[in-house]
């Protein structure tokens, strides 16, 4: 998960530029908060996001944000 330690950026060609800008705007604050956390909490949130995605239960963005899906 190298993207976790680097900068947030969308994969080019996966969605229209307008959608990419909207998603980037919504995720910047969460990304900044996630990077400011201790590594253990970062990993906890990433694992919660992964569990939500694999189970198709809960919202992966909420899990990454430390929300109810955790």
PDB file of N, CA and C in Angstrom:
ATOM      1  N   UNK A   1       0.822  -1.179   0.000  1.00  0.00           N
ATOM      2  CA  UNK A   1       0.000   0.000   0.000  1.00  0.00           C
ATOM      3  C   UNK A   1       0.871   1.249   0.000  1.00  0.00           C
ATOM      4  N   UNK A   2       1.710   1.387  -0.968  1.00  0.00           N
ATOM      5  CA  UNK A   2       2.586   2.537  -1.052  1.00  0.00           C
ATOM      6  C   UNK A   2       1.854   3.864  -1.148  1.00  0.00           C
ATOM      7  N   UNK A   3       0.624   3.835  -1.659  1.00  0.00           N
ATOM      8  CA  UNK A   3      -0.134   5.083  -1.782  1.00  0.00           C
ATOM      9  C   UNK A   3      -0.418   5.691  -0.416  1.00  0.00           C
ATOM     10  N   UNK A   4      -0.417   4.900   0.637  1.00  0.00           N
ATOM     11  CA  UNK A   4      -0.713   5.404   1.972  1.00  0.00           C
ATOM     12  C   UNK A   4       0.387   6.335   2.460  1.00  0.00           C
ATOM     13  N   UNK A   5       1.596   6.051   2.101  1.00  0.00           N
ATOM     14  CA  UNK A   5       2.716   6.852   2.585  1.00  0.00           C
ATOM     15  C   UNK A   5       3.067   8.010   1.661  1.00  0.00           C
ATOM     16  N   UNK A   6       2.552   7.968   0.461  1.00  0.00           N
ATOM     17  CA  UNK A   6       2.858   9.022  -0.498  1.00  0.00           C
ATOM     18  C   UNK A   6       1.764  10.068  -0.554  1.00  0.00           C
ATOM     19  N   UNK A   7       1.659  10.722  -1.669  1.00  0.00           N
ATOM     20  CA  UNK A   7       0.641  11.751  -1.860  1.00  0.00           C
ATOM     21  C   UNK A   7      -0.596  11.129  -2.469  1.00  0.00           C
ATOM     22  N   UNK A   8      -1.731  11.717  -2.115  1.00  0.00           N
ATOM     23  CA  UNK A   8      -2.994  11.248  -2.679  1.00  0.00           C
ATOM     24  C   UNK A   8      -3.099  11.750  -4.111  1.00  0.00           C
ATOM     25  N   UNK A   9      -3.505  10.882  -4.998  1.00  0.00           N
ATOM     26  CA  UNK A   9      -3.742  11.268  -6.381  1.00  0.00           C
ATOM     27  C   UNK A   9      -4.574  10.192  -7.051  1.00  0.00           C
ATOM     28  N   UNK A  10      -5.412  10.628  -7.944  1.00  0.00           N
ATOM     29  CA  UNK A  10      -6.270   9.708  -8.682  1.00  0.00           C
ATOM     30  C   UNK A  10      -5.471   9.031  -9.780  1.00  0.00           C
ATOM     31  N   UNK A  11      -5.921   7.865 -10.166  1.00  0.00           N
ATOM     32  CA  UNK A  11      -5.311   7.175 -11.291  1.00  0.00           C
ATOM     33  C   UNK A  11      -5.852   7.790 -12.570  1.00  0.00           C
ATOM     34  N   UNK A  12      -4.996   8.270 -13.396  1.00  0.00           N
ATOM     35  CA  UNK A  12      -5.406   8.908 -14.648  1.00  0.00           C
ATOM     36  C   UNK A  12      -6.112   7.881 -15.530  1.00  0.00           C
ATOM     37  N   UNK A  13      -7.141   8.347 -16.231  1.00  0.00           N
ATOM     38  CA  UNK A  13      -7.842   7.490 -17.171  1.00  0.00           C
ATOM     39  C   UNK A  13      -8.903   6.605 -16.549  1.00  0.00           C
ATOM     40  N   UNK A  14      -9.100   6.687 -15.233  1.00  0.00           N
ATOM     41  CA  UNK A  14     -10.097   5.830 -14.598  1.00  0.00           C
ATOM     42  C   UNK A  14     -11.445   6.510 -14.445  1.00  0.00           C
ATOM     43  N   UNK A  15     -11.485   7.830 -14.603  1.00  0.00           N
ATOM     44  CA  UNK A  15     -12.726   8.578 -14.468  1.00  0.00           C
ATOM     45  C   UNK A  15     -12.563   9.932 -15.137  1.00  0.00           C
ATOM     46  N   UNK A  16     -13.671  10.593 -15.434  1.00  0.00           N
ATOM     47  CA  UNK A  16     -13.576  11.922 -16.051  1.00  0.00           C
ATOM     48  C   UNK A  16     -12.863  12.909 -15.124  1.00  0.00           C
ATOM     49  N   UNK A  17     -12.208  13.893 -15.700  1.00  0.00           N
ATOM     50  CA  UNK A  17     -11.453  14.883 -14.919  1.00  0.00           C
ATOM     51  C   UNK A  17     -12.348  15.599 -13.917  1.00  0.00           C
ATOM     52  N   UNK A  18     -13.587  15.901 -14.285  1.00  0.00           N
ATOM     53  CA  UNK A  18     -14.493  16.599 -13.365  1.00  0.00           C
ATOM     54  C   UNK A  18     -14.791  15.740 -12.139  1.00  0.00           C
ATOM     55  N   UNK A  19     -14.996  14.456 -12.321  1.00  0.00           N
ATOM     56  CA  UNK A  19     -15.230  13.550 -11.190  1.00  0.00           C
ATOM     57  C   UNK A  19     -13.979  13.435 -10.342  1.00  0.00           C
ATOM     58  N   UNK A  20     -12.837  13.360 -10.989  1.00  0.00           N
ATOM     59  CA  UNK A  20     -11.565  13.242 -10.281  1.00  0.00           C
ATOM     60  C   UNK A  20     -11.340  14.459  -9.382  1.00  0.00           C
ATOM     61  N   UNK A  21     -11.638  15.652  -9.882  1.00  0.00           N
ATOM     62  CA  UNK A  21     -11.488  16.875  -9.087  1.00  0.00           C
ATOM     63  C   UNK A  21     -12.422  16.854  -7.881  1.00  0.00           C
ATOM     64  N   UNK A  22     -13.646  16.403  -8.079  1.00  0.00           N
ATOM     65  CA  UNK A  22     -14.617  16.343  -6.983  1.00  0.00           C
ATOM     66  C   UNK A  22     -14.165  15.360  -5.901  1.00  0.00           C
ATOM     67  N   UNK A  23     -13.719  14.200  -6.316  1.00  0.00           N
ATOM     68  CA  UNK A  23     -13.231  13.200  -5.356  1.00  0.00           C
ATOM     69  C   UNK A  23     -12.003  13.720  -4.623  1.00  0.00           C
ATOM     70  N   UNK A  24     -11.080  14.316  -5.343  1.00  0.00           N
ATOM     71  CA  UNK A  24      -9.878  14.860  -4.710  1.00  0.00           C
ATOM     72  C   UNK A  24     -10.227  15.916  -3.673  1.00  0.00           C
ATOM     73  N   UNK A  25     -11.179  16.777  -3.982  1.00  0.00           N
ATOM     74  CA  UNK A  25     -11.579  17.825  -3.041  1.00  0.00           C
ATOM     75  C   UNK A  25     -12.166  17.223  -1.767  1.00  0.00           C
ATOM     76  N   UNK A  26     -12.929  16.156  -1.899  1.00  0.00           N
ATOM     77  CA  UNK A  26     -13.559  15.520  -0.735  1.00  0.00           C
ATOM     78  C   UNK A  26     -12.558  14.741   0.110  1.00  0.00           C
ATOM     79  N   UNK A  27     -11.524  14.247  -0.501  1.00  0.00           N
ATOM     80  CA  UNK A  27     -10.600  13.379   0.228  1.00  0.00           C
ATOM     81  C   UNK A  27      -9.394  14.092   0.822  1.00  0.00           C
ATOM     82  N   UNK A  28      -9.103  15.294   0.394  1.00  0.00           N
ATOM     83  CA  UNK A  28      -7.904  15.994   0.880  1.00  0.00           C
ATOM     84  C   UNK A  28      -7.868  16.125   2.403  1.00  0.00           C
ATOM     85  N   UNK A  29      -8.983  16.539   3.017  1.00  0.00           N
ATOM     86  CA  UNK A  29      -9.005  16.732   4.472  1.00  0.00           C
ATOM     87  C   UNK A  29      -8.792  15.413   5.208  1.00  0.00           C
ATOM     88  N   UNK A  30      -9.441  14.355   4.737  1.00  0.00           N
ATOM     89  CA  UNK A  30      -9.292  13.048   5.374  1.00  0.00           C
ATOM     90  C   UNK A  30      -7.859  12.549   5.207  1.00  0.00           C
ATOM     91  N   UNK A  31      -7.303  12.746   4.033  1.00  0.00           N
ATOM     92  CA  UNK A  31      -5.928  12.323   3.758  1.00  0.00           C
ATOM     93  C   UNK A  31      -4.944  13.035   4.684  1.00  0.00           C
ATOM     94  N   UNK A  32      -5.136  14.345   4.849  1.00  0.00           N
ATOM     95  CA  UNK A  32      -4.258  15.134   5.710  1.00  0.00           C
ATOM     96  C   UNK A  32      -4.355  14.633   7.155  1.00  0.00           C
ATOM     97  N   UNK A  33      -5.561  14.376   7.616  1.00  0.00           N
ATOM     98  CA  UNK A  33      -5.758  13.867   8.975  1.00  0.00           C
ATOM     99  C   UNK A  33      -5.118  12.488   9.137  1.00  0.00           C
ATOM    100  N   UNK A  34      -5.321  11.618   8.163  1.00  0.00           N
ATOM    101  CA  UNK A  34      -4.763  10.262   8.229  1.00  0.00           C
ATOM    102  C   UNK A  34      -3.237  10.303   8.322  1.00  0.00           C
ATOM    103  N   UNK A  35      -2.607  11.144   7.517  1.00  0.00           N
ATOM    104  CA  UNK A  35      -1.148  11.222   7.523  1.00  0.00           C
ATOM    105  C   UNK A  35      -0.602  11.787   8.828  1.00  0.00           C
ATOM    106  N   UNK A  36      -1.428  12.564   9.554  1.00  0.00           N
ATOM    107  CA  UNK A  36      -0.987  13.165  10.815  1.00  0.00           C
ATOM    108  C   UNK A  36      -1.085  12.189  11.987  1.00  0.00           C
ATOM    109  N   UNK A  37      -1.812  11.091  11.801  1.00  0.00           N
ATOM    110  CA  UNK A  37      -1.985  10.115  12.878  1.00  0.00           C
ATOM    111  C   UNK A  37      -0.724   9.273  13.075  1.00  0.00           C
ATOM    112  N   UNK A  38      -0.634   8.673  14.241  1.00  0.00           N
ATOM    113  CA  UNK A  38       0.439   7.709  14.481  1.00  0.00           C
ATOM    114  C   UNK A  38       0.265   6.526  13.536  1.00  0.00           C
ATOM    115  N   UNK A  39       1.357   5.903  13.193  1.00  0.00           N
ATOM    116  CA  UNK A  39       1.326   4.804  12.218  1.00  0.00           C
ATOM    117  C   UNK A  39       0.352   3.697  12.621  1.00  0.00           C
ATOM    118  N   UNK A  40       0.286   3.374  13.903  1.00  0.00           N
ATOM    119  CA  UNK A  40      -0.617   2.313  14.357  1.00  0.00           C
ATOM    120  C   UNK A  40      -2.076   2.668  14.047  1.00  0.00           C
ATOM    121  N   UNK A  41      -2.448   3.923  14.245  1.00  0.00           N
ATOM    122  CA  UNK A  41      -3.823   4.347  13.952  1.00  0.00           C
ATOM    123  C   UNK A  41      -4.052   4.399  12.444  1.00  0.00           C
ATOM    124  N   UNK A  42      -3.041   4.794  11.680  1.00  0.00           N
ATOM    125  CA  UNK A  42      -3.159   4.772  10.221  1.00  0.00           C
ATOM    126  C   UNK A  42      -3.469   3.353   9.757  1.00  0.00           C
ATOM    127  N   UNK A  43      -2.689   2.399  10.252  1.00  0.00           N
ATOM    128  CA  UNK A  43      -2.885   1.008   9.853  1.00  0.00           C
ATOM    129  C   UNK A  43      -4.238   0.479  10.307  1.00  0.00           C
ATOM    130  N   UNK A  44      -4.685   0.885  11.481  1.00  0.00           N
ATOM    131  CA  UNK A  44      -5.993   0.469  11.973  1.00  0.00           C
ATOM    132  C   UNK A  44      -7.097   0.939  11.034  1.00  0.00           C
ATOM    133  N   UNK A  45      -7.012   2.185  10.623  1.00  0.00           N
ATOM    134  CA  UNK A  45      -8.026   2.724   9.710  1.00  0.00           C
ATOM    135  C   UNK A  45      -7.948   2.083   8.333  1.00  0.00           C
ATOM    136  N   UNK A  46      -6.737   1.834   7.869  1.00  0.00           N
ATOM    137  CA  UNK A  46      -6.577   1.183   6.564  1.00  0.00           C
ATOM    138  C   UNK A  46      -7.138  -0.233   6.618  1.00  0.00           C
ATOM    139  N   UNK A  47      -6.872  -0.939   7.703  1.00  0.00           N
ATOM    140  CA  UNK A  47      -7.421  -2.286   7.854  1.00  0.00           C
ATOM    141  C   UNK A  47      -8.942  -2.266   7.940  1.00  0.00           C
ATOM    142  N   UNK A  48      -9.512  -1.262   8.624  1.00  0.00           N
ATOM    143  CA  UNK A  48     -10.967  -1.129   8.694  1.00  0.00           C
ATOM    144  C   UNK A  48     -11.547  -0.842   7.313  1.00  0.00           C
ATOM    145  N   UNK A  49     -10.856   0.002   6.546  1.00  0.00           N
ATOM    146  CA  UNK A  49     -11.297   0.305   5.186  1.00  0.00           C
ATOM    147  C   UNK A  49     -11.267  -0.956   4.327  1.00  0.00           C
ATOM    148  N   UNK A  50     -10.193  -1.704   4.443  1.00  0.00           N
ATOM    149  CA  UNK A  50     -10.044  -2.942   3.666  1.00  0.00           C
ATOM    150  C   UNK A  50     -11.122  -3.951   4.037  1.00  0.00           C
ATOM    151  N   UNK A  51     -11.390  -4.103   5.345  1.00  0.00           N
ATOM    152  CA  UNK A  51     -12.421  -5.040   5.799  1.00  0.00           C
ATOM    153  C   UNK A  51     -13.790  -4.633   5.265  1.00  0.00           C
ATOM    154  N   UNK A  52     -14.082  -3.338   5.288  1.00  0.00           N
ATOM    155  CA  UNK A  52     -15.368  -2.863   4.765  1.00  0.00           C
ATOM    156  C   UNK A  52     -15.473  -3.143   3.267  1.00  0.00           C
ATOM    157  N   UNK A  53     -14.383  -2.925   2.555  1.00  0.00           N
ATOM    158  CA  UNK A  53     -14.396  -3.156   1.107  1.00  0.00           C
ATOM    159  C   UNK A  53     -14.562  -4.637   0.776  1.00  0.00           C
ATOM    160  N   UNK A  54     -13.842  -5.489   1.476  1.00  0.00           N
ATOM    161  CA  UNK A  54     -13.899  -6.916   1.184  1.00  0.00           C
ATOM    162  C   UNK A  54     -15.223  -7.549   1.603  1.00  0.00           C
ATOM    163  N   UNK A  55     -15.843  -7.018   2.639  1.00  0.00           N
ATOM    164  CA  UNK A  55     -17.106  -7.580   3.118  1.00  0.00           C
ATOM    165  C   UNK A  55     -18.313  -6.974   2.413  1.00  0.00           C
ATOM    166  N   UNK A  56     -18.080  -5.895   1.668  1.00  0.00           N
ATOM    167  CA  UNK A  56     -19.170  -5.142   1.023  1.00  0.00           C
ATOM    168  C   UNK A  56     -20.172  -4.633   2.053  1.00  0.00           C
ATOM    169  N   UNK A  57     -19.693  -4.401   3.272  1.00  0.00           N
ATOM    170  CA  UNK A  57     -20.526  -3.858   4.347  1.00  0.00           C
ATOM    171  C   UNK A  57     -19.854  -2.598   4.858  1.00  0.00           C
ATOM    172  N   UNK A  58     -20.636  -1.574   5.053  1.00  0.00           N
ATOM    173  CA  UNK A  58     -20.094  -0.318   5.541  1.00  0.00           C
ATOM    174  C   UNK A  58     -19.543   0.519   4.402  1.00  0.00           C
ATOM    175  N   UNK A  59     -19.134   1.700   4.740  1.00  0.00           N
ATOM    176  CA  UNK A  59     -18.596   2.648   3.779  1.00  0.00           C
ATOM    177  C   UNK A  59     -17.086   2.732   3.953  1.00  0.00           C
ATOM    178  N   UNK A  60     -16.349   2.441   2.910  1.00  0.00           N
ATOM    179  CA  UNK A  60     -14.889   2.402   3.016  1.00  0.00           C
ATOM    180  C   UNK A  60     -14.309   3.776   3.338  1.00  0.00           C
ATOM    181  N   UNK A  61     -14.896   4.826   2.806  1.00  0.00           N
ATOM    182  CA  UNK A  61     -14.409   6.177   3.092  1.00  0.00           C
ATOM    183  C   UNK A  61     -14.646   6.518   4.560  1.00  0.00           C
ATOM    184  N   UNK A  62     -15.815   6.147   5.102  1.00  0.00           N
ATOM    185  CA  UNK A  62     -16.086   6.376   6.521  1.00  0.00           C
ATOM    186  C   UNK A  62     -15.088   5.616   7.391  1.00  0.00           C
ATOM    187  N   UNK A  63     -14.759   4.399   7.006  1.00  0.00           N
ATOM    188  CA  UNK A  63     -13.810   3.603   7.771  1.00  0.00           C
ATOM    189  C   UNK A  63     -12.429   4.268   7.781  1.00  0.00           C
ATOM    190  N   UNK A  64     -12.009   4.769   6.652  1.00  0.00           N
ATOM    191  CA  UNK A  64     -10.722   5.445   6.551  1.00  0.00           C
ATOM    192  C   UNK A  64     -10.728   6.744   7.349  1.00  0.00           C
ATOM    193  N   UNK A  65     -11.900   7.342   7.431  1.00  0.00           N
ATOM    194  CA  UNK A  65     -12.065   8.604   8.153  1.00  0.00           C
ATOM    195  C   UNK A  65     -12.220   8.386   9.648  1.00  0.00           C
ATOM    196  N   UNK A  66     -12.260   7.133  10.093  1.00  0.00           N
ATOM    197  CA  UNK A  66     -12.420   6.841  11.513  1.00  0.00           C
ATOM    198  C   UNK A  66     -13.868   6.833  11.949  1.00  0.00           C
ATOM    199  N   UNK A  67     -14.779   6.717  10.979  1.00  0.00           N
ATOM    200  CA  UNK A  67     -16.211   6.779  11.262  1.00  0.00           C
ATOM    201  C   UNK A  67     -16.788   5.480  11.773  1.00  0.00           C
ATOM    202  N   UNK A  68     -18.085   5.397  11.689  1.00  0.00           N
ATOM    203  CA  UNK A  68     -18.859   4.307  12.262  1.00  0.00           C
ATOM    204  C   UNK A  68     -18.517   2.929  11.691  1.00  0.00           C
ATOM    205  N   UNK A  69     -17.960   2.880  10.500  1.00  0.00           N
ATOM    206  CA  UNK A  69     -17.663   1.593   9.883  1.00  0.00           C
ATOM    207  C   UNK A  69     -16.501   0.866  10.525  1.00  0.00           C
ATOM    208  N   UNK A  70     -15.788   1.557  11.401  1.00  0.00           N
ATOM    209  CA  UNK A  70     -14.624   0.956  12.041  1.00  0.00           C
ATOM    210  C   UNK A  70     -15.020  -0.047  13.048  1.00  0.00           C
TER     211      UNK A  70
END
